[in-house]
Structures are given as structure tokens and as C-alpha cells.
Amino acid sequence: MKEKPKEICYICKRGFMDYELHKHHIRPKVFGGVNKDRITICVGCHKYLHRIINQKIANLLKNTPISFFTECIASCKKELG
């Protein structure tokens, strides 16, 4: 007898077994995300979500003034030089 799915992916709403799901931090932990702010999503949706996030970050950086990057370089030089 086949086991029934136990959890639903937050994004695609399909049912999955526990081992087919990931807990995704809504805000990345490196930017202050906490474990209580997570959603349960399937592996496919998780990969796709990160692709979208990375594209959006790249677009933000493309539109960031060059001064932001030169200020970062200056800060590194000051701290390390």
C-alpha cells in the first residue's frame, strides 16, 4: 500500500512526503532570518524560488549606482590597508 503525502508545498499546493520537502527561510538567515519564519516547499519549487531570488538580486545590483561599489572598495582599503 502506497503512503499518502503528509505535507503540502506552500507554493504549488501539491502533496509530498516529509523527505521531499524543504524548510525555506522567508528572509535568508544571513540577513537576519529566523527559524520561525519559514515555509515548507517541495524541492522543485525551492530550486525555482532561489533562481527567481538570484535574478532579482542581479537586477538590483545592475541598477545600483557605481558609487555603492566604489564605497565598498574604499571601506576594504581603509580596514585592510
Protein backbone atom coordinates (compact mmCIF):
# COMPACT_ATOMS: atom_id res chain seq x y z
CA MET A 1 0.00 0.00 0.00
CA LYS A 2 1.38 3.38 -1.04
CA GLU A 3 1.83 6.03 1.67
CA LYS A 4 -0.25 9.17 1.36
CA PRO A 5 1.52 12.54 1.15
CA LYS A 6 1.85 14.13 4.57
CA GLU A 7 2.55 17.79 3.77
CA ILE A 8 1.54 20.34 1.16
CA CYS A 9 4.04 22.57 -0.70
CA TYR A 10 3.29 26.21 0.14
CA ILE A 11 3.90 27.26 -3.47
CA CYS A 12 2.49 24.57 -5.77
CA LYS A 13 -0.02 23.15 -3.26
CA ARG A 14 0.81 19.54 -4.18
CA GLY A 15 1.17 16.86 -1.53
CA PHE A 16 4.59 15.40 -0.68
CA MET A 17 6.22 13.06 1.79
CA ASP A 18 8.27 14.78 4.52
CA TYR A 19 11.58 13.78 2.93
CA GLU A 20 10.60 15.50 -0.35
CA LEU A 21 10.19 18.92 1.29
CA HIS A 22 12.48 21.71 2.39
CA LYS A 23 12.03 24.40 5.02
CA HIS A 24 12.77 27.72 3.30
CA HIS A 25 13.62 30.83 5.31
CA ILE A 26 11.48 33.69 4.04
CA ARG A 27 14.30 36.10 4.92
CA PRO A 28 17.73 34.46 4.49
CA LYS A 29 19.47 33.70 7.77
CA VAL A 30 22.49 35.78 6.71
CA PHE A 31 20.13 38.79 6.62
CA GLY A 32 18.51 38.13 9.97
CA GLY A 33 16.03 35.38 9.09
CA VAL A 34 14.85 33.19 11.95
CA ASN A 35 13.58 29.62 12.05
CA LYS A 36 10.02 30.63 12.92
CA ASP A 37 9.76 32.50 9.60
CA ARG A 38 9.96 29.52 7.25
CA ILE A 39 7.69 27.94 4.68
CA THR A 40 7.56 24.29 3.66
CA ILE A 41 8.15 23.84 -0.06
CA CYS A 42 9.00 20.98 -2.42
CA VAL A 43 12.47 20.57 -3.89
CA GLY A 44 11.39 21.78 -7.36
CA CYS A 45 9.73 24.94 -6.06
CA HIS A 46 12.72 25.59 -3.77
CA LYS A 47 15.16 25.48 -6.69
CA TYR A 48 12.90 27.70 -8.80
CA LEU A 49 12.37 30.19 -5.96
CA HIS A 50 16.13 30.59 -5.50
CA ARG A 51 16.56 31.12 -9.24
CA ILE A 52 13.98 33.94 -9.09
CA ILE A 53 15.59 35.46 -5.98
CA ASN A 54 19.03 35.38 -7.62
CA GLN A 55 17.66 37.05 -10.76
CA LYS A 56 16.03 39.79 -8.70
CA ILE A 57 19.27 40.37 -6.74
CA ALA A 58 21.20 40.57 -10.01
CA ASN A 59 18.71 43.13 -11.34
CA LEU A 60 19.05 45.19 -8.17
CA LEU A 61 22.83 45.16 -8.50
CA LYS A 62 22.64 46.15 -12.17
CA ASN A 63 20.67 49.24 -11.14
CA THR A 64 22.89 50.08 -8.19
CA PRO A 65 24.99 53.22 -8.68
CA ILE A 66 28.70 52.60 -9.22
CA SER A 67 29.35 54.70 -6.11
CA PHE A 68 28.00 51.88 -3.95
CA PHE A 69 30.71 49.57 -5.22
CA THR A 70 33.48 52.15 -5.03
CA GLU A 71 32.47 52.90 -1.43
CA CYS A 72 32.73 49.17 -0.64
CA ILE A 73 36.21 49.07 -2.15
CA ALA A 74 37.21 52.17 -0.19
CA SER A 75 35.97 50.59 3.04
CA CYS A 76 38.02 47.46 2.37
CA LYS A 77 41.13 49.52 1.64
CA LYS A 78 40.63 51.51 4.84
CA GLU A 79 40.09 48.43 7.00
CA LEU A 80 42.73 46.22 5.43
CA GLY A 81 45.28 48.75 4.20
